[in-house]
Amino acid sequence: MIVVTGASGALGQLVVEGLLEKVPAAQIVAAVRDPAKAAHLAARGVQVRRADYTDPASLDSAFAGADRVLLVSANEVGKRVAQHRAVVDAAKRAGVKLLAYTSILRADSSPLRLAEEHVTTEAAIRDSGLAYSLLRNGWYFENFNSRIAGAAQRGEMVGSAGEGRISAAARADYAAAAVAVLTAEAPQQVYELAGSTSFSLAELTAEAARQAGKPAVYRDLPQADFAGVLAGAGVPAPWPELLADSDAGSARGGLFDDGKALEKLIGRPTRSVSQAVEAALSA
């Protein structure tokens, strides 16, 4: 039995969809805070169980009989360590044979502040004594959707990435990797996962301009100024500072990887820059 936490979220749903192509629905558990949001999965034969990272009893029920568990990282920055530890503890109580976790690219050496909670979670997983796989995901192309649209509409993309190269992949690519690991006979302990190719934000802007059929430029800003732009656009705290920090981290190589481990794991190249821009502009 394979349990996917956060199964009603964007990544979790894609993982469940991928698992349905490989294993019987009855062997898949969609663990969600609100089972009503996974009714469409229940209708397809998937077991839907309530699982709240802040409610250990619900995690015990959700993990009952589980062989493998995918811990999709929580989205409440600043609260994730305690939530993730609760999942790790529940997985240990349930005696799961593999705990997989969606971490961040090169977590242990990443310059991004977003890596901090992942590093602590990875340590908790290692200390648990459970067999594990760390899916260290790089940046999602979807993270750029609003900026791609903005470049096409206003003729400008702003950021703090300098000339840093970013090896992004689509959320669906990372979901396919999770499916491959969850169904592998002997998965690895650590996977550094990133896109097949890389780009700078200037190159991403140029591709948006090409597809939109009008000029657009990339304007690099100091990190604090970019955070101010994001806050002014209505991005809620703490994300303006964290996203600006991530841009600055990419300028120092924090989002670049050319190992092609993701491509090898899923058996195909990841989404290209042109495909990602096309998807963003048609969204």
Protein backbone atom coordinates (compact mmCIF):
# COMPACT_ATOMS: atom_id res chain seq x y z
CA MET A 1 0.00 0.00 0.00
CA ILE A 2 1.29 3.44 -0.98
CA VAL A 3 0.21 6.55 0.93
CA VAL A 4 0.53 10.01 -0.61
CA THR A 5 0.16 12.91 1.80
CA GLY A 6 -1.12 16.24 0.58
CA ALA A 7 -2.93 14.28 -2.12
CA SER A 8 -5.44 17.06 -2.83
CA GLY A 9 -2.63 19.53 -3.58
CA ALA A 10 -1.18 20.30 -6.99
CA LEU A 11 1.77 17.91 -6.73
CA GLY A 12 0.02 15.22 -4.70
CA GLN A 13 -2.83 14.88 -7.17
CA LEU A 14 -0.39 14.38 -10.02
CA VAL A 15 1.43 11.71 -8.03
CA VAL A 16 -1.81 9.83 -7.38
CA GLU A 17 -2.74 10.09 -11.06
CA GLY A 18 0.63 8.63 -11.98
CA LEU A 19 0.32 5.81 -9.47
CA LEU A 20 -3.08 4.89 -10.90
CA GLU A 21 -1.30 4.03 -14.14
CA LYS A 22 1.02 1.59 -12.37
CA VAL A 23 -0.74 0.02 -9.38
CA PRO A 24 -4.33 -0.94 -8.53
CA ALA A 25 -6.37 1.92 -7.10
CA ALA A 26 -7.15 -0.05 -3.94
CA GLN A 27 -3.43 -0.04 -3.09
CA ILE A 28 -3.24 3.77 -3.12
CA VAL A 29 -4.17 5.96 -0.17
CA ALA A 30 -4.81 9.67 -0.73
CA ALA A 31 -4.10 11.26 2.65
CA VAL A 32 -5.73 14.69 2.84
CA ARG A 33 -6.86 17.21 5.44
CA ASP A 34 -10.32 17.44 3.87
CA PRO A 35 -11.53 14.13 2.37
CA ALA A 36 -14.28 15.97 0.49
CA LYS A 37 -11.58 17.52 -1.71
CA ALA A 38 -10.51 14.04 -2.82
CA ALA A 39 -13.96 12.67 -3.61
CA HIS A 40 -12.99 12.39 -7.28
CA LEU A 41 -10.18 10.03 -6.28
CA ALA A 42 -12.45 7.96 -4.08
CA ALA A 43 -14.78 7.59 -7.06
CA ARG A 44 -11.90 5.94 -8.93
CA GLY A 45 -11.27 3.41 -6.15
CA VAL A 46 -8.49 5.21 -4.30
CA GLN A 47 -8.66 4.99 -0.52
CA VAL A 48 -9.16 8.48 0.87
CA ARG A 49 -8.14 9.01 4.49
CA ARG A 50 -8.02 12.12 6.63
CA ALA A 51 -4.48 13.16 7.54
CA ASP A 52 -3.60 16.43 9.23
CA TYR A 53 0.08 17.13 9.89
CA THR A 54 -0.94 18.74 13.20
CA ASP A 55 -3.09 15.78 14.34
CA PRO A 56 -0.96 12.69 15.11
CA ALA A 57 -3.99 10.46 15.61
CA SER A 58 -5.18 11.19 12.09
CA LEU A 59 -1.74 10.29 10.75
CA ASP A 60 -1.81 6.96 12.58
CA SER A 61 -5.13 6.14 10.93
CA ALA A 62 -3.95 7.31 7.53
CA PHE A 63 -0.77 5.22 7.65
CA ALA A 64 -2.35 2.00 8.91
CA GLY A 65 -1.13 -0.85 6.70
CA ALA A 66 1.16 1.39 4.66
CA ASP A 67 4.26 -0.03 3.01
CA ARG A 68 5.47 3.22 1.45
CA VAL A 69 4.65 6.83 2.28
CA LEU A 70 5.33 9.97 0.29
CA LEU A 71 5.60 13.01 2.53
CA VAL A 72 4.80 16.00 0.34
CA SER A 73 6.34 18.95 2.14
CA ALA A 74 3.87 21.26 3.86
CA ASN A 75 3.38 24.82 2.59
CA GLU A 76 3.28 26.71 5.88
CA VAL A 77 6.80 28.11 6.02
CA GLY A 78 7.96 28.41 9.60
CA LYS A 79 5.72 25.58 10.80
CA ARG A 80 6.92 22.79 8.56
CA VAL A 81 9.54 21.19 10.80
CA ALA A 82 7.04 20.26 13.52
CA GLN A 83 4.51 19.11 10.94
CA HIS A 84 7.04 16.98 9.10
CA ARG A 85 8.35 15.45 12.33
CA ALA A 86 4.80 14.38 13.16
CA VAL A 87 4.63 12.54 9.85
CA VAL A 88 8.02 10.93 10.37
CA ASP A 89 7.01 9.76 13.84
CA ALA A 90 3.72 8.35 12.54
CA ALA A 91 5.50 6.54 9.72
CA LYS A 92 7.84 4.98 12.25
CA ARG A 93 4.93 3.89 14.45
CA ALA A 94 3.28 2.36 11.40
CA GLY A 95 6.44 0.48 10.46
CA VAL A 96 6.49 1.71 6.87
CA LYS A 97 9.15 0.19 4.65
CA LEU A 98 10.01 3.42 2.82
CA LEU A 99 9.46 7.09 3.58
CA ALA A 100 9.98 9.40 0.60
CA TYR A 101 10.15 13.16 1.08
CA THR A 102 9.95 16.08 -1.35
CA SER A 103 12.93 18.21 -0.36
CA ILE A 104 14.85 20.91 -2.27
CA LEU A 105 17.76 20.69 -4.69
CA ARG A 106 21.07 20.10 -2.88
CA ALA A 107 19.41 20.93 0.43
CA ASP A 108 22.57 20.51 2.46
CA SER A 109 24.51 23.13 0.48
CA SER A 110 21.73 25.32 -0.93
CA PRO A 111 22.08 29.11 -0.49
CA LEU A 112 18.27 29.46 -0.40
CA ARG A 113 16.56 30.20 2.92
CA LEU A 114 13.80 27.84 1.83
CA ALA A 115 16.27 24.98 2.30
CA GLU A 116 16.53 25.43 6.07
CA GLU A 117 13.37 23.53 7.06
CA HIS A 118 14.15 20.84 4.48
CA VAL A 119 17.60 20.27 5.99
CA THR A 120 16.07 19.81 9.44
CA THR A 121 13.40 17.48 8.08
CA GLU A 122 15.98 15.40 6.23
CA ALA A 123 17.92 15.00 9.49
CA ALA A 124 14.78 13.84 11.28
CA ILE A 125 14.14 11.29 8.57
CA ARG A 126 17.68 9.95 8.75
CA ASP A 127 17.55 9.79 12.54
CA SER A 128 14.26 7.86 12.44
CA GLY A 129 15.92 4.66 11.31
CA LEU A 130 13.39 4.28 8.48
CA ALA A 131 14.44 3.43 4.95
CA TYR A 132 14.06 6.64 3.00
CA SER A 133 14.36 8.46 -0.31
CA LEU A 134 14.93 12.19 -0.48
CA LEU A 135 13.46 13.70 -3.63
CA ARG A 136 15.42 16.94 -3.78
CA ASN A 137 13.31 18.84 -6.26
CA GLY A 138 14.64 21.85 -8.13
CA TRP A 139 12.52 24.84 -9.09
CA TYR A 140 9.11 24.36 -10.67
CA PHE A 141 8.42 26.07 -14.01
CA GLU A 142 5.01 26.94 -12.57
CA ASN A 143 6.77 29.27 -10.12
CA PHE A 144 7.44 31.56 -13.08
CA ASN A 145 3.95 31.59 -14.59
CA SER A 146 2.96 35.04 -13.34
CA ARG A 147 6.30 36.54 -14.36
CA ILE A 148 6.09 34.98 -17.82
CA ALA A 149 2.59 36.38 -18.26
CA GLY A 150 3.76 39.76 -16.99
CA ALA A 151 6.62 39.85 -19.48
CA ALA A 152 4.24 39.09 -22.33
CA GLN A 153 1.69 41.67 -21.20
CA ARG A 154 3.88 44.52 -19.94
CA GLY A 155 7.10 43.93 -21.85
CA GLU A 156 9.21 43.46 -18.72
CA MET A 157 10.22 40.79 -16.23
CA VAL A 158 11.89 41.79 -12.99
CA GLY A 159 13.94 39.72 -10.58
CA SER A 160 17.18 39.39 -8.65
CA ALA A 161 18.68 36.36 -10.36
CA GLY A 162 21.37 38.18 -12.34
CA GLU A 163 22.81 35.82 -14.92
CA GLY A 164 22.21 32.77 -12.75
CA ARG A 165 21.08 29.67 -14.59
CA ILE A 166 17.97 27.83 -13.44
CA SER A 167 17.30 24.16 -14.15
CA ALA A 168 13.54 24.15 -13.73
CA ALA A 169 11.12 21.35 -14.56
CA ALA A 170 7.36 21.06 -14.62
CA ARG A 171 5.43 19.95 -11.56
CA ALA A 172 4.33 16.94 -13.63
CA ASP A 173 7.98 15.98 -14.16
CA TYR A 174 8.64 15.94 -10.42
CA ALA A 175 5.41 13.99 -9.85
CA ALA A 176 6.56 11.38 -12.36
CA ALA A 177 9.82 11.08 -10.44
CA ALA A 178 7.94 10.47 -7.20
CA VAL A 179 5.88 7.76 -8.88
CA ALA A 180 9.05 6.10 -10.19
CA VAL A 181 10.62 6.08 -6.73
CA LEU A 182 7.48 4.87 -4.94
CA THR A 183 7.17 1.94 -7.34
CA ALA A 184 10.89 1.07 -7.63
CA GLU A 185 12.18 -2.19 -6.22
CA ALA A 186 15.24 -0.59 -4.61
CA PRO A 187 15.04 3.20 -4.66
CA GLN A 188 18.07 5.35 -3.89
CA GLN A 189 18.41 7.37 -0.71
CA VAL A 190 19.00 10.76 -2.38
CA TYR A 191 17.92 12.10 -5.77
CA GLU A 192 19.05 15.53 -6.98
CA LEU A 193 16.23 16.38 -9.38
CA ALA A 194 16.23 19.27 -11.85
CA GLY A 195 15.34 20.12 -15.41
CA SER A 196 17.12 18.69 -18.44
CA THR A 197 18.20 22.17 -19.57
CA SER A 198 18.80 25.50 -17.88
CA PHE A 199 18.04 29.15 -18.62
CA SER A 200 18.63 32.62 -17.28
CA LEU A 201 15.72 34.95 -16.56
CA ALA A 202 16.84 37.08 -19.51
CA GLU A 203 16.47 34.01 -21.75
CA LEU A 204 13.09 33.19 -20.21
CA THR A 205 11.96 36.76 -20.89
CA ALA A 206 13.16 36.54 -24.49
CA GLU A 207 11.17 33.35 -25.03
CA ALA A 208 8.05 34.98 -23.57
CA ALA A 209 8.57 37.92 -25.91
CA ARG A 210 9.01 35.63 -28.90
CA GLN A 211 5.81 33.73 -28.20
CA ALA A 212 3.85 36.87 -27.40
CA GLY A 213 5.09 38.55 -30.56
CA LYS A 214 6.19 41.75 -28.86
CA PRO A 215 9.34 43.07 -27.16
CA ALA A 216 10.14 42.31 -23.52
CA VAL A 217 13.24 42.84 -21.38
CA TYR A 218 14.53 41.43 -18.12
CA ARG A 219 15.38 44.02 -15.45
CA ASP A 220 17.57 42.88 -12.59
CA LEU A 221 16.92 44.49 -9.20
CA PRO A 222 18.59 44.44 -5.81
CA GLN A 223 17.07 41.69 -3.68
CA ALA A 224 15.27 44.11 -1.32
CA ASP A 225 13.80 46.04 -4.24
CA PHE A 226 12.47 42.86 -5.84
CA ALA A 227 10.90 41.84 -2.53
CA GLY A 228 9.22 45.25 -2.47
CA VAL A 229 7.84 44.73 -5.96
CA LEU A 230 6.36 41.38 -4.94
CA ALA A 231 4.83 42.82 -1.77
CA GLY A 232 3.40 45.71 -3.77
CA ALA A 233 1.82 43.23 -6.16
CA GLY A 234 -0.04 41.64 -3.25
CA VAL A 235 2.15 38.59 -2.63
CA PRO A 236 1.49 37.71 1.04
CA ALA A 237 4.23 37.56 3.67
CA PRO A 238 6.66 35.86 4.06
CA TRP A 239 6.80 35.04 0.36
CA PRO A 240 8.15 38.35 -1.04
CA GLU A 241 11.32 38.01 1.03
CA LEU A 242 11.63 34.27 0.44
CA LEU A 243 11.10 34.51 -3.32
CA ALA A 244 13.55 37.39 -3.63
CA ASP A 245 16.03 35.35 -1.59
CA SER A 246 15.50 32.41 -3.96
CA ASP A 247 16.19 34.63 -6.96
CA ALA A 248 19.37 35.88 -5.32
CA GLY A 249 20.31 32.30 -4.47
CA SER A 250 19.91 31.32 -8.11
CA ALA A 251 22.45 33.99 -9.01
CA ARG A 252 24.87 31.96 -6.84
CA GLY A 253 24.04 28.69 -8.56
CA GLY A 254 21.42 27.49 -6.09
CA LEU A 255 18.90 26.44 -8.74
CA PHE A 256 21.29 25.02 -11.35
CA ASP A 257 22.04 21.35 -11.87
CA ASP A 258 23.23 19.52 -14.99
CA GLY A 259 23.26 15.95 -13.70
CA LYS A 260 20.06 15.02 -15.57
CA ALA A 261 19.02 12.67 -12.76
CA LEU A 262 15.37 13.63 -13.21
CA GLU A 263 15.46 12.90 -16.93
CA LYS A 264 17.06 9.53 -16.29
CA LEU A 265 14.58 8.64 -13.56
CA ILE A 266 11.46 9.37 -15.60
CA GLY A 267 12.88 8.12 -18.90
CA ARG A 268 12.37 11.29 -20.94
CA PRO A 269 13.52 14.92 -21.10
CA THR A 270 11.73 17.32 -18.80
CA ARG A 271 9.54 20.19 -20.05
CA SER A 272 11.47 22.66 -22.21
CA VAL A 273 11.57 26.43 -21.76
CA SER A 274 9.44 26.94 -24.86
CA GLN A 275 6.86 24.41 -23.64
CA ALA A 276 6.79 26.03 -20.20
CA VAL A 277 6.25 29.51 -21.66
CA GLU A 278 3.52 28.20 -23.94
CA ALA A 279 1.77 26.59 -20.96
CA ALA A 280 2.06 29.77 -18.88
CA LEU A 281 0.67 31.99 -21.63
CA SER A 282 -2.26 29.67 -22.28
CA ALA A 283 -3.17 29.28 -18.61
